[in-house]
Amino acid sequence: MQLRFIGCGDAFGSGGRFNTCFQVMSPSATVLIDCGASSMVALRKWGVDPNTIDAVFITHLHGDHFGGLPFLILDAQLVSRRTRPLTIAGPPGLRARLAQAMEVFFPGSSGIAQKFTLDVVELAPDAAATVGVVSVLPMQVKHPCDAPPLALRLTIDGRSVAYTGDTEWTEALVPVAQDVDLFIAEAYFHDRKVRFHLDLDTVLAHMDVLRPRRMILTHMSPDMLGRDLAGRFEVAEDGMVVEV
């Protein structure tokens, strides 16, 4: 399995980074974890064919994590001429919020029948599920977005990747991270405590229970981006590809 950081930035473009979007590539499936508002631009920049994407897994319904979906869907219909099915899976409320977003950005677009099968799946928090060939554990975390926010753990072809999404510390992260092959952790600040977000010190303070096999930091503010973390932590960069 490989993972490409299509975008690893925050909501505000800190460091000139694209919004959150990770491409997971495995022999059985290629999926995205989140699809922030800038994701179509980033997919084009990194030469990713949108038609190769089997499914998109959404952590929560904020624009920097799901706002690229209307563009992805319309590209599939009008530009990439998609014929393969596409599944979009995320928290309860995803179906209605996606339709609202499409109407805001492109009025009338939510009522157009696609020439491909579009399946929207709402994941029950704290309940393991199977979406296509992907086993997913969606755990409810703490981040206000008018719908249950999720941390996600995906397993494909025997390899696993997990992402905190945006959240303050919660014990729900433990089953997501334990023994996972790759844990992608929000580290918005280094030591500053902010409600609904993780800082690096808090993540490190819980490593004895999280125990991932590997961790990469993401979704960093200027505070984190301005620090020299080389040699101490793995840090995501837009376009970076890692083996899982």
C-alpha atoms as a PDB file:
ATOM      1  CA  MET A   1       0.000   0.000   0.000  1.00  0.00           C
ATOM      2  CA  GLN A   2       1.103   3.570  -0.705  1.00  0.00           C
ATOM      3  CA  LEU A   3      -0.261   6.844   0.606  1.00  0.00           C
ATOM      4  CA  ARG A   4       0.128  10.187  -1.150  1.00  0.00           C
ATOM      5  CA  PHE A   5      -0.542  13.443   0.678  1.00  0.00           C
ATOM      6  CA  ILE A   6      -2.587  15.240  -1.982  1.00  0.00           C
ATOM      7  CA  GLY A   7      -2.967  18.018   0.568  1.00  0.00           C
ATOM      8  CA  CYS A   8      -1.999  18.238   4.231  1.00  0.00           C
ATOM      9  CA  GLY A   9      -2.838  21.831   5.128  1.00  0.00           C
ATOM     10  CA  ASP A  10      -5.283  23.468   7.470  1.00  0.00           C
ATOM     11  CA  ALA A  11      -8.396  25.456   6.554  1.00  0.00           C
ATOM     12  CA  PHE A  12      -6.440  28.654   5.942  1.00  0.00           C
ATOM     13  CA  GLY A  13      -3.715  27.604   3.511  1.00  0.00           C
ATOM     14  CA  SER A  14      -0.942  27.869   6.102  1.00  0.00           C
ATOM     15  CA  GLY A  15       2.421  27.359   4.448  1.00  0.00           C
ATOM     16  CA  GLY A  16       0.757  27.441   1.018  1.00  0.00           C
ATOM     17  CA  ARG A  17      -0.530  23.915   1.543  1.00  0.00           C
ATOM     18  CA  PHE A  18      -3.607  22.368  -0.018  1.00  0.00           C
ATOM     19  CA  ASN A  19      -6.575  21.330   2.129  1.00  0.00           C
ATOM     20  CA  THR A  20      -6.636  17.838   3.580  1.00  0.00           C
ATOM     21  CA  CYS A  21      -6.802  14.997   1.066  1.00  0.00           C
ATOM     22  CA  PHE A  22      -4.890  11.698   1.253  1.00  0.00           C
ATOM     23  CA  GLN A  23      -4.773   9.143  -1.574  1.00  0.00           C
ATOM     24  CA  VAL A  24      -4.488   5.522  -0.431  1.00  0.00           C
ATOM     25  CA  MET A  25      -3.318   3.187  -3.203  1.00  0.00           C
ATOM     26  CA  SER A  26      -3.606  -0.573  -2.750  1.00  0.00           C
ATOM     27  CA  PRO A  27      -3.850  -3.477  -5.210  1.00  0.00           C
ATOM     28  CA  SER A  28      -7.576  -3.859  -4.531  1.00  0.00           C
ATOM     29  CA  ALA A  29      -8.652  -0.210  -4.374  1.00  0.00           C
ATOM     30  CA  THR A  30      -7.633   3.433  -4.555  1.00  0.00           C
ATOM     31  CA  VAL A  31      -9.445   5.704  -2.118  1.00  0.00           C
ATOM     32  CA  LEU A  32      -9.260   9.214  -0.760  1.00  0.00           C
ATOM     33  CA  ILE A  33      -9.395  10.161   2.889  1.00  0.00           C
ATOM     34  CA  ASP A  34     -11.070  13.580   2.932  1.00  0.00           C
ATOM     35  CA  CYS A  35     -11.495  15.859  -0.044  1.00  0.00           C
ATOM     36  CA  GLY A  36     -11.015  19.463   1.010  1.00  0.00           C
ATOM     37  CA  ALA A  37     -12.040  22.428  -1.105  1.00  0.00           C
ATOM     38  CA  SER A  38      -8.726  22.633  -2.996  1.00  0.00           C
ATOM     39  CA  SER A  39      -8.500  18.913  -3.735  1.00  0.00           C
ATOM     40  CA  MET A  40      -9.354  18.978  -7.455  1.00  0.00           C
ATOM     41  CA  VAL A  41      -6.555  21.483  -8.034  1.00  0.00           C
ATOM     42  CA  ALA A  42      -4.172  19.326  -6.014  1.00  0.00           C
ATOM     43  CA  LEU A  43      -5.192  16.107  -7.782  1.00  0.00           C
ATOM     44  CA  ARG A  44      -4.387  17.756 -11.119  1.00  0.00           C
ATOM     45  CA  LYS A  45      -1.083  19.093  -9.780  1.00  0.00           C
ATOM     46  CA  TRP A  46       0.064  15.616  -8.702  1.00  0.00           C
ATOM     47  CA  GLY A  47      -1.190  13.962 -11.900  1.00  0.00           C
ATOM     48  CA  VAL A  48      -3.870  11.835 -10.246  1.00  0.00           C
ATOM     49  CA  ASP A  49      -6.626  10.622 -12.588  1.00  0.00           C
ATOM     50  CA  PRO A  50      -9.915  11.117 -10.687  1.00  0.00           C
ATOM     51  CA  ASN A  51     -11.358   8.075 -12.484  1.00  0.00           C
ATOM     52  CA  THR A  52      -8.942   5.828 -10.582  1.00  0.00           C
ATOM     53  CA  ILE A  53     -10.601   6.735  -7.273  1.00  0.00           C
ATOM     54  CA  ASP A  54     -12.973   4.030  -6.064  1.00  0.00           C
ATOM     55  CA  ALA A  55     -14.218   5.722  -2.902  1.00  0.00           C
ATOM     56  CA  VAL A  56     -13.840   8.812  -0.752  1.00  0.00           C
ATOM     57  CA  PHE A  57     -13.948   8.590   3.049  1.00  0.00           C
ATOM     58  CA  ILE A  58     -14.839  11.823   4.851  1.00  0.00           C
ATOM     59  CA  THR A  59     -13.934  12.556   8.474  1.00  0.00           C
ATOM     60  CA  HIS A  60     -16.177  15.572   9.021  1.00  0.00           C
ATOM     61  CA  LEU A  61     -18.285  18.140   7.240  1.00  0.00           C
ATOM     62  CA  HIS A  62     -16.082  21.230   7.218  1.00  0.00           C
ATOM     63  CA  GLY A  63     -15.100  22.805   3.905  1.00  0.00           C
ATOM     64  CA  ASP A  64     -11.395  22.034   4.220  1.00  0.00           C
ATOM     65  CA  HIS A  65     -12.215  18.329   4.579  1.00  0.00           C
ATOM     66  CA  PHE A  66     -15.265  17.729   2.364  1.00  0.00           C
ATOM     67  CA  GLY A  67     -15.667  20.906   0.278  1.00  0.00           C
ATOM     68  CA  GLY A  68     -13.987  19.400  -2.794  1.00  0.00           C
ATOM     69  CA  LEU A  69     -16.715  16.815  -3.312  1.00  0.00           C
ATOM     70  CA  PRO A  70     -18.986  18.954  -5.551  1.00  0.00           C
ATOM     71  CA  PHE A  71     -16.030  19.615  -7.842  1.00  0.00           C
ATOM     72  CA  LEU A  72     -15.031  15.938  -7.869  1.00  0.00           C
ATOM     73  CA  ILE A  73     -18.574  14.861  -8.748  1.00  0.00           C
ATOM     74  CA  LEU A  74     -19.029  17.448 -11.489  1.00  0.00           C
ATOM     75  CA  ASP A  75     -15.598  16.689 -12.917  1.00  0.00           C
ATOM     76  CA  ALA A  76     -16.605  13.029 -13.082  1.00  0.00           C
ATOM     77  CA  GLN A  77     -19.766  13.963 -14.963  1.00  0.00           C
ATOM     78  CA  LEU A  78     -18.515  16.681 -17.303  1.00  0.00           C
ATOM     79  CA  VAL A  79     -14.741  16.416 -17.706  1.00  0.00           C
ATOM     80  CA  SER A  80     -13.372  13.010 -16.766  1.00  0.00           C
ATOM     81  CA  ARG A  81     -16.467  11.264 -18.194  1.00  0.00           C
ATOM     82  CA  ARG A  82     -16.531   8.709 -15.441  1.00  0.00           C
ATOM     83  CA  THR A  83     -18.330   5.408 -16.038  1.00  0.00           C
ATOM     84  CA  ARG A  84     -17.178   3.443 -12.962  1.00  0.00           C
ATOM     85  CA  PRO A  85     -19.141   3.615  -9.708  1.00  0.00           C
ATOM     86  CA  LEU A  86     -17.991   6.080  -7.040  1.00  0.00           C
ATOM     87  CA  THR A  87     -18.718   5.668  -3.347  1.00  0.00           C
ATOM     88  CA  ILE A  88     -18.588   8.555  -0.877  1.00  0.00           C
ATOM     89  CA  ALA A  89     -18.688   7.492   2.780  1.00  0.00           C
ATOM     90  CA  GLY A  90     -18.753   9.716   5.823  1.00  0.00           C
ATOM     91  CA  PRO A  91     -20.623  10.745   8.940  1.00  0.00           C
ATOM     92  CA  PRO A  92     -24.390  10.917   9.387  1.00  0.00           C
ATOM     93  CA  GLY A  93     -25.687  14.025   7.638  1.00  0.00           C
ATOM     94  CA  LEU A  94     -23.274  13.668   4.713  1.00  0.00           C
ATOM     95  CA  ARG A  95     -25.978  13.105   2.088  1.00  0.00           C
ATOM     96  CA  ALA A  96     -27.936  16.257   2.931  1.00  0.00           C
ATOM     97  CA  ARG A  97     -24.842  18.442   3.447  1.00  0.00           C
ATOM     98  CA  LEU A  98     -23.355  17.310   0.143  1.00  0.00           C
ATOM     99  CA  ALA A  99     -26.544  18.248  -1.690  1.00  0.00           C
ATOM    100  CA  GLN A 100     -26.537  21.643   0.024  1.00  0.00           C
ATOM    101  CA  ALA A 101     -22.904  22.253  -0.917  1.00  0.00           C
ATOM    102  CA  MET A 102     -23.562  21.367  -4.540  1.00  0.00           C
ATOM    103  CA  GLU A 103     -26.507  23.765  -4.672  1.00  0.00           C
ATOM    104  CA  VAL A 104     -24.469  26.579  -3.125  1.00  0.00           C
ATOM    105  CA  PHE A 105     -21.567  26.170  -5.552  1.00  0.00           C
ATOM    106  CA  PHE A 106     -23.472  25.040  -8.658  1.00  0.00           C
ATOM    107  CA  PRO A 107     -27.237  25.655  -8.395  1.00  0.00           C
ATOM    108  CA  GLY A 108     -29.256  22.817  -9.878  1.00  0.00           C
ATOM    109  CA  SER A 109     -26.344  20.383  -9.853  1.00  0.00           C
ATOM    110  CA  SER A 110     -27.618  18.167  -7.051  1.00  0.00           C
ATOM    111  CA  GLY A 111     -30.625  17.115  -9.143  1.00  0.00           C
ATOM    112  CA  ILE A 112     -28.674  16.064 -12.230  1.00  0.00           C
ATOM    113  CA  ALA A 113     -28.526  12.303 -12.784  1.00  0.00           C
ATOM    114  CA  GLN A 114     -24.952  11.120 -13.136  1.00  0.00           C
ATOM    115  CA  LYS A 115     -23.860   8.821 -15.940  1.00  0.00           C
ATOM    116  CA  PHE A 116     -22.131   6.714 -13.319  1.00  0.00           C
ATOM    117  CA  THR A 117     -23.375   5.146 -10.101  1.00  0.00           C
ATOM    118  CA  LEU A 118     -22.852   7.497  -7.151  1.00  0.00           C
ATOM    119  CA  ASP A 119     -23.371   5.837  -3.791  1.00  0.00           C
ATOM    120  CA  VAL A 120     -23.381   7.975  -0.629  1.00  0.00           C
ATOM    121  CA  VAL A 121     -22.893   5.930   2.540  1.00  0.00           C
ATOM    122  CA  GLU A 122     -23.420   7.361   6.016  1.00  0.00           C
ATOM    123  CA  LEU A 123     -21.246   5.560   8.558  1.00  0.00           C
ATOM    124  CA  ALA A 124     -22.585   4.868  12.042  1.00  0.00           C
ATOM    125  CA  PRO A 125     -20.094   6.237  14.584  1.00  0.00           C
ATOM    126  CA  ASP A 126     -18.221   3.685  16.688  1.00  0.00           C
ATOM    127  CA  ALA A 127     -19.363   0.762  14.531  1.00  0.00           C
ATOM    128  CA  ALA A 128     -17.053  -1.124  12.175  1.00  0.00           C
ATOM    129  CA  ALA A 129     -18.273  -1.306   8.583  1.00  0.00           C
ATOM    130  CA  THR A 130     -17.265  -2.569   5.165  1.00  0.00           C
ATOM    131  CA  VAL A 131     -17.367  -0.285   2.129  1.00  0.00           C
ATOM    132  CA  GLY A 132     -16.439  -2.207  -1.001  1.00  0.00           C
ATOM    133  CA  VAL A 133     -13.151  -3.940  -0.188  1.00  0.00           C
ATOM    134  CA  VAL A 134     -12.339  -1.479   2.615  1.00  0.00           C
ATOM    135  CA  SER A 135     -12.846  -2.280   6.284  1.00  0.00           C
ATOM    136  CA  VAL A 136     -13.469   0.966   8.140  1.00  0.00           C
ATOM    137  CA  LEU A 137     -13.645   1.831  11.824  1.00  0.00           C
ATOM    138  CA  PRO A 138     -15.249   5.289  12.258  1.00  0.00           C
ATOM    139  CA  MET A 139     -14.910   6.583  15.823  1.00  0.00           C
ATOM    140  CA  GLN A 140     -16.709   9.734  16.924  1.00  0.00           C
ATOM    141  CA  VAL A 141     -14.335  12.450  18.108  1.00  0.00           C
ATOM    142  CA  LYS A 142     -14.700  16.054  19.359  1.00  0.00           C
ATOM    143  CA  HIS A 143     -14.987  18.797  16.751  1.00  0.00           C
ATOM    144  CA  PRO A 144     -18.096  20.966  16.171  1.00  0.00           C
ATOM    145  CA  CYS A 145     -19.447  20.668  12.627  1.00  0.00           C
ATOM    146  CA  ASP A 146     -23.187  20.068  13.092  1.00  0.00           C
ATOM    147  CA  ALA A 147     -22.704  16.352  12.389  1.00  0.00           C
ATOM    148  CA  PRO A 148     -20.760  13.631  14.216  1.00  0.00           C
ATOM    149  CA  PRO A 149     -17.040  14.119  13.429  1.00  0.00           C
ATOM    150  CA  LEU A 150     -15.041  10.953  12.877  1.00  0.00           C
ATOM    151  CA  ALA A 151     -11.544   9.601  13.180  1.00  0.00           C
ATOM    152  CA  LEU A 152     -11.105   6.863  10.585  1.00  0.00           C
ATOM    153  CA  ARG A 153      -9.147   3.632  10.442  1.00  0.00           C
ATOM    154  CA  LEU A 154      -9.115   1.927   7.038  1.00  0.00           C
ATOM    155  CA  THR A 155      -7.820  -1.560   6.294  1.00  0.00           C
ATOM    156  CA  ILE A 156      -7.221  -2.692   2.705  1.00  0.00           C
ATOM    157  CA  ASP A 157      -5.342  -5.814   1.610  1.00  0.00           C
ATOM    158  CA  GLY A 158      -4.158  -6.441   5.152  1.00  0.00           C
ATOM    159  CA  ARG A 159      -2.582  -2.992   5.636  1.00  0.00           C
ATOM    160  CA  SER A 160      -4.049  -0.234   7.771  1.00  0.00           C
ATOM    161  CA  VAL A 161      -4.012   3.559   7.862  1.00  0.00           C
ATOM    162  CA  ALA A 162      -5.709   5.827  10.380  1.00  0.00           C
ATOM    163  CA  TYR A 163      -6.388   9.541  10.566  1.00  0.00           C
ATOM    164  CA  THR A 164      -7.498  11.574  13.571  1.00  0.00           C
ATOM    165  CA  GLY A 165      -9.432  14.119  11.547  1.00  0.00           C
ATOM    166  CA  ASP A 166      -9.816  17.353  13.514  1.00  0.00           C
ATOM    167  CA  THR A 167     -10.377  16.766  17.212  1.00  0.00           C
ATOM    168  CA  GLU A 168      -9.263  17.540  20.720  1.00  0.00           C
ATOM    169  CA  TRP A 169      -7.981  14.594  22.737  1.00  0.00           C
ATOM    170  CA  THR A 170     -10.513  11.797  23.244  1.00  0.00           C
ATOM    171  CA  GLU A 171     -10.163   8.150  24.186  1.00  0.00           C
ATOM    172  CA  ALA A 172     -11.946   7.349  20.913  1.00  0.00           C
ATOM    173  CA  LEU A 173      -8.565   7.784  19.193  1.00  0.00           C
ATOM    174  CA  VAL A 174      -7.112   4.749  20.977  1.00  0.00           C
ATOM    175  CA  PRO A 175      -8.818   1.984  18.936  1.00  0.00           C
ATOM    176  CA  VAL A 176      -8.173   3.993  15.777  1.00  0.00           C
ATOM    177  CA  ALA A 177      -4.421   4.193  16.360  1.00  0.00           C
ATOM    178  CA  GLN A 178      -3.412   1.058  18.248  1.00  0.00           C
ATOM    179  CA  ASP A 179      -1.120  -1.158  16.149  1.00  0.00           C
ATOM    180  CA  VAL A 180      -2.108   0.661  12.954  1.00  0.00           C
ATOM    181  CA  ASP A 181       0.517   0.568  10.203  1.00  0.00           C
ATOM    182  CA  LEU A 182       0.317   4.347   9.644  1.00  0.00           C
ATOM    183  CA  PHE A 183      -1.270   6.876  11.983  1.00  0.00           C
ATOM    184  CA  ILE A 184      -1.773  10.375  10.529  1.00  0.00           C
ATOM    185  CA  ALA A 185      -2.204  12.727  13.466  1.00  0.00           C
ATOM    186  CA  GLU A 186      -3.367  16.306  13.544  1.00  0.00           C
ATOM    187  CA  ALA A 187      -0.759  18.497  15.277  1.00  0.00           C
ATOM    188  CA  TYR A 188      -2.214  21.963  14.916  1.00  0.00           C
ATOM    189  CA  PHE A 189      -0.009  23.502  17.583  1.00  0.00           C
ATOM    190  CA  HIS A 190       3.098  22.342  19.412  1.00  0.00           C
ATOM    191  CA  ASP A 191       2.022  22.900  23.013  1.00  0.00           C
ATOM    192  CA  ARG A 192      -0.804  25.430  22.881  1.00  0.00           C
ATOM    193  CA  LYS A 193      -4.123  23.943  23.996  1.00  0.00           C
ATOM    194  CA  VAL A 194      -7.040  24.867  21.726  1.00  0.00           C
ATOM    195  CA  ARG A 195     -10.510  23.390  22.001  1.00  0.00           C
ATOM    196  CA  PHE A 196     -11.431  20.873  19.301  1.00  0.00           C
ATOM    197  CA  HIS A 197      -7.874  20.490  17.944  1.00  0.00           C
ATOM    198  CA  LEU A 198      -4.846  18.377  18.831  1.00  0.00           C
ATOM    199  CA  ASP A 199      -1.427  19.724  19.717  1.00  0.00           C
ATOM    200  CA  LEU A 200       1.791  17.742  19.439  1.00  0.00           C
ATOM    201  CA  ASP A 201       2.453  17.628  23.179  1.00  0.00           C
ATOM    202  CA  THR A 202      -0.954  16.060  23.803  1.00  0.00           C
ATOM    203  CA  VAL A 203      -0.403  13.438  21.105  1.00  0.00           C
ATOM    204  CA  LEU A 204       3.006  12.553  22.558  1.00  0.00           C
ATOM    205  CA  ALA A 205       1.580  12.367  26.095  1.00  0.00           C
ATOM    206  CA  HIS A 206      -0.762   9.581  24.943  1.00  0.00           C
ATOM    207  CA  MET A 207       1.636   7.540  22.817  1.00  0.00           C
ATOM    208  CA  ASP A 208       1.744   4.826  25.481  1.00  0.00           C
ATOM    209  CA  VAL A 209      -1.911   4.012  24.703  1.00  0.00           C
ATOM    210  CA  LEU A 210      -2.019   5.004  21.027  1.00  0.00           C
ATOM    211  CA  ARG A 211       0.962   2.810  20.042  1.00  0.00           C
ATOM    212  CA  PRO A 212       0.874   3.146  16.230  1.00  0.00           C
ATOM    213  CA  ARG A 213       3.608   1.435  14.240  1.00  0.00           C
ATOM    214  CA  ARG A 214       4.341   4.736  12.487  1.00  0.00           C
ATOM    215  CA  MET A 215       3.075   8.294  12.856  1.00  0.00           C
ATOM    216  CA  ILE A 216       3.101  11.286  10.486  1.00  0.00           C
ATOM    217  CA  LEU A 217       2.006  14.752  11.602  1.00  0.00           C
ATOM    218  CA  THR A 218      -0.404  16.841   9.521  1.00  0.00           C
ATOM    219  CA  HIS A 219      -2.856  19.813   9.551  1.00  0.00           C
ATOM    220  CA  MET A 220      -0.284  22.171  11.069  1.00  0.00           C
ATOM    221  CA  SER A 221      -0.614  25.868  11.862  1.00  0.00           C
ATOM    222  CA  PRO A 222       2.122  28.444  11.222  1.00  0.00           C
ATOM    223  CA  ASP A 223       3.286  27.774  14.792  1.00  0.00           C
ATOM    224  CA  MET A 224       4.167  24.194  13.853  1.00  0.00           C
ATOM    225  CA  LEU A 225       5.381  24.949  10.345  1.00  0.00           C
ATOM    226  CA  GLY A 226       7.872  27.437  11.747  1.00  0.00           C
ATOM    227  CA  ARG A 227       9.555  24.858  13.973  1.00  0.00           C
ATOM    228  CA  ASP A 228      12.466  22.597  13.097  1.00  0.00           C
ATOM    229  CA  LEU A 229      11.007  19.121  13.557  1.00  0.00           C
ATOM    230  CA  ALA A 230      13.414  17.304  11.220  1.00  0.00           C
ATOM    231  CA  GLY A 231      14.967  14.208  12.700  1.00  0.00           C
ATOM    232  CA  ARG A 232      12.462  14.079  15.557  1.00  0.00           C
ATOM    233  CA  PHE A 233       9.124  13.540  13.795  1.00  0.00           C
ATOM    234  CA  GLU A 234       7.800  12.600  10.385  1.00  0.00           C
ATOM    235  CA  VAL A 235       5.908  15.554   8.958  1.00  0.00           C
ATOM    236  CA  ALA A 236       3.554  15.499   5.977  1.00  0.00           C
ATOM    237  CA  GLU A 237       4.297  17.543   2.862  1.00  0.00           C
ATOM    238  CA  ASP A 238       1.988  18.104  -0.097  1.00  0.00           C
ATOM    239  CA  GLY A 239       2.773  15.509  -2.769  1.00  0.00           C
ATOM    240  CA  MET A 240       4.747  13.256  -0.436  1.00  0.00           C
ATOM    241  CA  VAL A 241       4.342   9.507  -1.055  1.00  0.00           C
ATOM    242  CA  VAL A 242       5.019   6.935   1.665  1.00  0.00           C
ATOM    243  CA  GLU A 243       4.956   3.158   1.792  1.00  0.00           C
ATOM    244  CA  VAL A 244       2.508   1.712   4.309  1.00  0.00           C
END
